[in-house]
C-alpha atoms as a PDB file:
ATOM      1  CA  UNK A   1     101.911-177.029 -94.080  1.00  0.00           C
ATOM      2  CA  UNK A   2     102.330-175.416 -90.682  1.00  0.00           C
ATOM      3  CA  UNK A   3     105.342-177.022 -89.078  1.00  0.00           C
ATOM      4  CA  UNK A   4     107.399-175.287 -86.464  1.00  0.00           C
ATOM      5  CA  UNK A   5     110.722-175.857 -84.882  1.00  0.00           C
ATOM      6  CA  UNK A   6     112.473-173.869 -82.224  1.00  0.00           C
ATOM      7  CA  UNK A   7     115.423-171.680 -83.061  1.00  0.00           C
ATOM      8  CA  UNK A   8     118.365-171.168 -80.734  1.00  0.00           C
ATOM      9  CA  UNK A   9     117.137-167.781 -79.484  1.00  0.00           C
ATOM     10  CA  UNK A  10     115.379-168.250 -76.163  1.00  0.00           C
ATOM     11  CA  UNK A  11     113.798-165.470 -74.123  1.00  0.00           C
ATOM     12  CA  UNK A  12     113.267-166.756 -70.599  1.00  0.00           C
ATOM     13  CA  UNK A  13     111.290-169.977 -71.072  1.00  0.00           C
ATOM     14  CA  UNK A  14     109.668-168.937 -74.382  1.00  0.00           C
ATOM     15  CA  UNK A  15     110.989-170.343 -77.638  1.00  0.00           C
ATOM     16  CA  UNK A  16     110.682-168.521 -80.934  1.00  0.00           C
ATOM     17  CA  UNK A  17     109.330-170.671 -83.748  1.00  0.00           C
ATOM     18  CA  UNK A  18     109.987-170.634 -87.463  1.00  0.00           C
ATOM     19  CA  UNK A  19     108.301-172.708 -90.206  1.00  0.00           C
ATOM     20  CA  UNK A  20     110.118-175.886 -91.226  1.00  0.00           C
ATOM     21  CA  UNK A  21     109.678-178.744 -93.720  1.00  0.00           C
ATOM     22  CA  UNK A  22     108.746-182.303 -92.727  1.00  0.00           C
ATOM     23  CA  UNK A  23     111.635-182.977 -90.346  1.00  0.00           C
ATOM     24  CA  UNK A  24     111.304-182.986 -86.562  1.00  0.00           C
ATOM     25  CA  UNK A  25     113.700-180.806 -84.538  1.00  0.00           C
ATOM     26  CA  UNK A  26     116.205-183.619 -83.914  1.00  0.00           C
ATOM     27  CA  UNK A  27     117.006-182.458 -80.389  1.00  0.00           C
ATOM     28  CA  UNK A  28     115.120-181.836 -77.123  1.00  0.00           C
ATOM     29  CA  UNK A  29     113.200-178.613 -77.818  1.00  0.00           C
ATOM     30  CA  UNK A  30     109.540-177.569 -77.683  1.00  0.00           C
ATOM     31  CA  UNK A  31     107.556-177.768 -80.923  1.00  0.00           C
ATOM     32  CA  UNK A  32     103.997-178.274 -82.194  1.00  0.00           C
ATOM     33  CA  UNK A  33     102.484-180.231 -85.080  1.00  0.00           C
ATOM     34  CA  UNK A  34      99.093-179.721 -86.680  1.00  0.00           C
ATOM     35  CA  UNK A  35      96.859-182.758 -87.179  1.00  0.00           C
ATOM     36  CA  UNK A  36      98.365-185.120 -89.749  1.00  0.00           C
ATOM     37  CA  UNK A  37     101.829-183.572 -89.631  1.00  0.00           C
ATOM     38  CA  UNK A  38     105.055-185.310 -88.704  1.00  0.00           C
ATOM     39  CA  UNK A  39     107.533-187.527 -90.522  1.00  0.00           C
ATOM     40  CA  UNK A  40     105.388-189.817 -92.682  1.00  0.00           C
ATOM     41  CA  UNK A  41     106.238-193.183 -94.216  1.00  0.00           C
ATOM     42  CA  UNK A  42     104.348-195.882 -96.082  1.00  0.00           C
ATOM     43  CA  UNK A  43     105.041-199.505 -95.187  1.00  0.00           C
ATOM     44  CA  UNK A  44     102.899-202.396 -96.446  1.00  0.00           C
ATOM     45  CA  UNK A  45      99.298-201.072 -96.248  1.00  0.00           C
ATOM     46  CA  UNK A  46      99.968-198.521 -93.502  1.00  0.00           C
ATOM     47  CA  UNK A  47     100.748-194.857 -93.062  1.00  0.00           C
ATOM     48  CA  UNK A  48     103.110-194.249 -90.135  1.00  0.00           C
ATOM     49  CA  UNK A  49     103.543-190.695 -88.877  1.00  0.00           C
ATOM     50  CA  UNK A  50     106.348-190.049 -86.389  1.00  0.00           C
ATOM     51  CA  UNK A  51     105.335-187.272 -84.006  1.00  0.00           C
ATOM     52  CA  UNK A  52     108.270-187.468 -81.602  1.00  0.00           C
ATOM     53  CA  UNK A  53     111.507-189.406 -82.027  1.00  0.00           C
ATOM     54  CA  UNK A  54     114.237-190.643 -79.760  1.00  0.00           C
ATOM     55  CA  UNK A  55     116.285-187.658 -80.934  1.00  0.00           C
ATOM     56  CA  UNK A  56     113.893-185.251 -79.228  1.00  0.00           C
ATOM     57  CA  UNK A  57     113.689-187.374 -76.041  1.00  0.00           C
ATOM     58  CA  UNK A  58     117.399-188.217 -75.708  1.00  0.00           C
ATOM     59  CA  UNK A  59     116.635-191.840 -76.613  1.00  0.00           C
ATOM     60  CA  UNK A  60     113.903-192.373 -74.035  1.00  0.00           C
ATOM     61  CA  UNK A  61     110.871-192.906 -76.293  1.00  0.00           C
ATOM     62  CA  UNK A  62     109.271-192.223 -79.649  1.00  0.00           C
ATOM     63  CA  UNK A  63     105.640-191.521 -80.540  1.00  0.00           C
ATOM     64  CA  UNK A  64     103.904-192.297 -83.828  1.00  0.00           C
ATOM     65  CA  UNK A  65     100.521-192.970 -85.364  1.00  0.00           C
ATOM     66  CA  UNK A  66      99.665-195.911 -87.600  1.00  0.00           C
ATOM     67  CA  UNK A  67      96.703-195.746 -89.956  1.00  0.00           C
ATOM     68  CA  UNK A  68      95.653-198.639 -92.177  1.00  0.00           C
ATOM     69  CA  UNK A  69      92.657-200.243 -93.865  1.00  0.00           C
ATOM     70  CA  UNK A  70      91.268-203.640 -92.866  1.00  0.00           C
ATOM     71  CA  UNK A  71      93.874-206.189 -93.835  1.00  0.00           C
ATOM     72  CA  UNK A  72      96.169-209.026 -92.954  1.00  0.00           C
ATOM     73  CA  UNK A  73      98.300-209.182 -89.824  1.00  0.00           C
ATOM     74  CA  UNK A  74     101.689-207.552 -90.042  1.00  0.00           C
ATOM     75  CA  UNK A  75     104.523-210.110 -89.958  1.00  0.00           C
ATOM     76  CA  UNK A  76     105.017-211.633 -86.492  1.00  0.00           C
ATOM     77  CA  UNK A  77     107.997-209.974 -84.847  1.00  0.00           C
ATOM     78  CA  UNK A  78     109.706-209.114 -81.584  1.00  0.00           C
ATOM     79  CA  UNK A  79     112.031-206.392 -80.393  1.00  0.00           C
ATOM     80  CA  UNK A  80     114.746-207.549 -77.992  1.00  0.00           C
ATOM     81  CA  UNK A  81     114.943-204.207 -76.200  1.00  0.00           C
ATOM     82  CA  UNK A  82     111.993-202.174 -77.492  1.00  0.00           C
ATOM     83  CA  UNK A  83     108.751-201.797 -75.540  1.00  0.00           C
ATOM     84  CA  UNK A  84     105.636-200.859 -77.505  1.00  0.00           C
ATOM     85  CA  UNK A  85     102.138-199.596 -76.719  1.00  0.00           C
ATOM     86  CA  UNK A  86      98.948-199.484 -78.763  1.00  0.00           C
ATOM     87  CA  UNK A  87      96.327-196.820 -77.993  1.00  0.00           C
ATOM     88  CA  UNK A  88      93.461-197.049 -80.464  1.00  0.00           C
ATOM     89  CA  UNK A  89      92.188-193.723 -81.802  1.00  0.00           C
ATOM     90  CA  UNK A  90      89.769-195.023 -84.432  1.00  0.00           C
ATOM     91  CA  UNK A  91      88.429-198.368 -85.623  1.00  0.00           C
ATOM     92  CA  UNK A  92      89.172-201.837 -84.260  1.00  0.00           C
ATOM     93  CA  UNK A  93      92.672-203.290 -84.020  1.00  0.00           C
ATOM     94  CA  UNK A  94      93.382-206.800 -82.762  1.00  0.00           C
ATOM     95  CA  UNK A  95      96.742-207.335 -81.051  1.00  0.00           C
ATOM     96  CA  UNK A  96      98.116-210.881 -80.854  1.00  0.00           C
ATOM     97  CA  UNK A  97     101.028-211.865 -78.617  1.00  0.00           C
ATOM     98  CA  UNK A  98     102.887-214.727 -77.029  1.00  0.00           C
ATOM     99  CA  UNK A  99     103.911-214.040 -73.427  1.00  0.00           C
ATOM    100  CA  UNK A 100     107.156-215.068 -71.726  1.00  0.00           C
ATOM    101  CA  UNK A 101     105.589-218.423 -70.722  1.00  0.00           C
ATOM    102  CA  UNK A 102     104.573-219.232 -74.301  1.00  0.00           C
ATOM    103  CA  UNK A 103     100.889-218.484 -73.672  1.00  0.00           C
ATOM    104  CA  UNK A 104      99.224-216.988 -76.739  1.00  0.00           C
ATOM    105  CA  UNK A 105      96.509-214.401 -76.411  1.00  0.00           C
ATOM    106  CA  UNK A 106      94.780-211.737 -78.449  1.00  0.00           C
ATOM    107  CA  UNK A 107      92.653-208.725 -77.659  1.00  0.00           C
ATOM    108  CA  UNK A 108      90.406-206.611 -79.831  1.00  0.00           C
ATOM    109  CA  UNK A 109      91.069-202.940 -79.057  1.00  0.00           C
ATOM    110  CA  UNK A 110      88.524-200.226 -79.858  1.00  0.00           C
ATOM    111  CA  UNK A 111      88.810-196.428 -79.534  1.00  0.00           C
ATOM    112  CA  UNK A 112      90.221-195.512 -76.135  1.00  0.00           C
ATOM    113  CA  UNK A 113      91.569-199.022 -75.460  1.00  0.00           C
ATOM    114  CA  UNK A 114      95.225-199.529 -74.579  1.00  0.00           C
ATOM    115  CA  UNK A 115      97.632-202.439 -75.042  1.00  0.00           C
ATOM    116  CA  UNK A 116     101.240-202.913 -73.971  1.00  0.00           C
ATOM    117  CA  UNK A 117     103.796-205.360 -75.391  1.00  0.00           C
ATOM    118  CA  UNK A 118     107.005-205.578 -73.336  1.00  0.00           C
ATOM    119  CA  UNK A 119     110.343-206.022 -75.082  1.00  0.00           C
ATOM    120  CA  UNK A 120     111.147-209.548 -76.214  1.00  0.00           C
ATOM    121  CA  UNK A 121     107.593-210.828 -76.811  1.00  0.00           C
ATOM    122  CA  UNK A 122     106.380-212.127 -80.165  1.00  0.00           C
ATOM    123  CA  UNK A 123     103.469-210.018 -81.399  1.00  0.00           C
ATOM    124  CA  UNK A 124     101.493-208.798 -84.378  1.00  0.00           C
ATOM    125  CA  UNK A 125      98.335-206.812 -85.058  1.00  0.00           C
ATOM    126  CA  UNK A 126      95.563-206.530 -87.605  1.00  0.00           C
ATOM    127  CA  UNK A 127      93.020-203.813 -88.406  1.00  0.00           C
ATOM    128  CA  UNK A 128      89.574-205.414 -88.206  1.00  0.00           C
ATOM    129  CA  UNK A 129      87.407-202.424 -89.124  1.00  0.00           C
ATOM    130  CA  UNK A 130      87.142-200.591 -92.446  1.00  0.00           C
ATOM    131  CA  UNK A 131      89.971-198.358 -91.204  1.00  0.00           C
ATOM    132  CA  UNK A 132      91.983-198.210 -88.018  1.00  0.00           C
ATOM    133  CA  UNK A 133      94.301-195.718 -86.406  1.00  0.00           C
ATOM    134  CA  UNK A 134      96.373-196.058 -83.266  1.00  0.00           C
ATOM    135  CA  UNK A 135      98.915-194.068 -81.334  1.00  0.00           C
ATOM    136  CA  UNK A 136     102.101-195.981 -80.654  1.00  0.00           C
ATOM    137  CA  UNK A 137     104.797-195.261 -78.118  1.00  0.00           C
ATOM    138  CA  UNK A 138     108.046-197.202 -78.179  1.00  0.00           C
ATOM    139  CA  UNK A 139     111.520-197.245 -76.743  1.00  0.00           C
ATOM    140  CA  UNK A 140     113.371-194.361 -78.419  1.00  0.00           C
ATOM    141  CA  UNK A 141     114.798-194.910 -81.875  1.00  0.00           C
ATOM    142  CA  UNK A 142     112.551-197.711 -83.111  1.00  0.00           C
ATOM    143  CA  UNK A 143     110.038-195.261 -84.619  1.00  0.00           C
ATOM    144  CA  UNK A 144     112.554-194.682 -87.451  1.00  0.00           C
ATOM    145  CA  UNK A 145     112.109-198.319 -88.586  1.00  0.00           C
ATOM    146  CA  UNK A 146     109.024-197.503 -90.679  1.00  0.00           C
ATOM    147  CA  UNK A 147     110.788-195.044 -92.996  1.00  0.00           C
ATOM    148  CA  UNK A 148     113.898-197.237 -93.175  1.00  0.00           C
ATOM    149  CA  UNK A 149     111.878-200.285 -94.240  1.00  0.00           C
ATOM    150  CA  UNK A 150     109.246-198.468 -96.298  1.00  0.00           C
ATOM    151  CA  UNK A 151     109.184-195.177 -98.161  1.00  0.00           C
ATOM    152  CA  UNK A 152     109.052-191.585 -96.908  1.00  0.00           C
ATOM    153  CA  UNK A 153     105.942-189.820 -98.173  1.00  0.00           C
ATOM    154  CA  UNK A 154     104.149-186.502 -98.068  1.00  0.00           C
ATOM    155  CA  UNK A 155     100.790-188.294 -98.429  1.00  0.00           C
ATOM    156  CA  UNK A 156      98.422-188.242 -95.472  1.00  0.00           C
ATOM    157  CA  UNK A 157      96.620-191.478 -96.327  1.00  0.00           C
ATOM    158  CA  UNK A 158      97.676-195.147 -96.404  1.00  0.00           C
ATOM    159  CA  UNK A 159      99.354-196.251 -99.639  1.00  0.00           C
ATOM    160  CA  UNK A 160      97.588-197.588-102.721  1.00  0.00           C
ATOM    161  CA  UNK A 161      99.137-199.786-103.954  1.00  0.00           C
ATOM    162  CA  UNK A 162     100.833-201.227-100.880  1.00  0.00           C
ATOM    163  CA  UNK A 163     104.515-200.512-100.296  1.00  0.00           C
ATOM    164  CA  UNK A 164     106.249-203.882-100.026  1.00  0.00           C
ATOM    165  CA  UNK A 165     109.981-203.565 -99.389  1.00  0.00           C
ATOM    166  CA  UNK A 166     112.466-206.005-100.840  1.00  0.00           C
ATOM    167  CA  UNK A 167     113.597-208.713 -98.423  1.00  0.00           C
ATOM    168  CA  UNK A 168     117.020-207.056 -98.373  1.00  0.00           C
ATOM    169  CA  UNK A 169     115.636-203.629 -97.425  1.00  0.00           C
ATOM    170  CA  UNK A 170     113.290-205.067 -94.796  1.00  0.00           C
ATOM    171  CA  UNK A 171     116.116-207.183 -93.352  1.00  0.00           C
ATOM    172  CA  UNK A 172     118.536-204.257 -93.205  1.00  0.00           C
ATOM    173  CA  UNK A 173     115.945-202.059 -91.469  1.00  0.00           C
ATOM    174  CA  UNK A 174     115.096-204.865 -89.044  1.00  0.00           C
ATOM    175  CA  UNK A 175     118.747-205.296 -88.071  1.00  0.00           C
ATOM    176  CA  UNK A 176     119.305-201.544 -87.734  1.00  0.00           C
ATOM    177  CA  UNK A 177     116.224-201.038 -85.535  1.00  0.00           C
ATOM    178  CA  UNK A 178     116.289-204.199 -83.411  1.00  0.00           C
ATOM    179  CA  UNK A 179     113.279-205.840 -85.064  1.00  0.00           C
ATOM    180  CA  UNK A 180     113.316-209.631 -85.420  1.00  0.00           C
ATOM    181  CA  UNK A 181     110.776-211.130 -87.843  1.00  0.00           C
ATOM    182  CA  UNK A 182     109.399-214.664 -87.434  1.00  0.00           C
ATOM    183  CA  UNK A 183     107.677-215.565 -90.739  1.00  0.00           C
ATOM    184  CA  UNK A 184     107.299-219.190 -89.620  1.00  0.00           C
ATOM    185  CA  UNK A 185     105.104-218.212 -86.620  1.00  0.00           C
ATOM    186  CA  UNK A 186     101.354-217.531 -86.754  1.00  0.00           C
ATOM    187  CA  UNK A 187      99.708-215.935 -83.733  1.00  0.00           C
ATOM    188  CA  UNK A 188      96.386-215.174 -85.414  1.00  0.00           C
ATOM    189  CA  UNK A 189      94.958-218.609 -85.875  1.00  0.00           C
END
């Protein structure tokens, strides 16, 4: 594994780098990750890899990838103060949402397509191809939800079998990371 993090010695604008384990730097500092590296977690049928967290951006945003096989929609949810984007890297991913006026819509995203869900809107998504992968960007801090609700992993593929958290664990992670689930709402049909 080739992971790097900056050390405190700086020469001009050049940082020195030393190998590190799976953790990100945890502060604003330059670093690089090889393909597939980052803080990985399994949740439901998905592999989430955090590439940049709110800790590195002083709470401004986080960046992650989500990779999953074709499957069911994730539970309908909303984030009161977390904005979220979907940029599809591979496969087909359908995003469902309910806008501020109660209008429901969905859009099938394919590689290169982009979707944005502002804070406060009910939404969900589903992989509709054999496999799908997207880049997500969110308001800083939320990207830690996946490991809190699921399980940290060193694997680089989605989980088999699925990782289904207990209701207590999922609820605690949801409260900690401003995620409100709505199991009584269906947006996909």
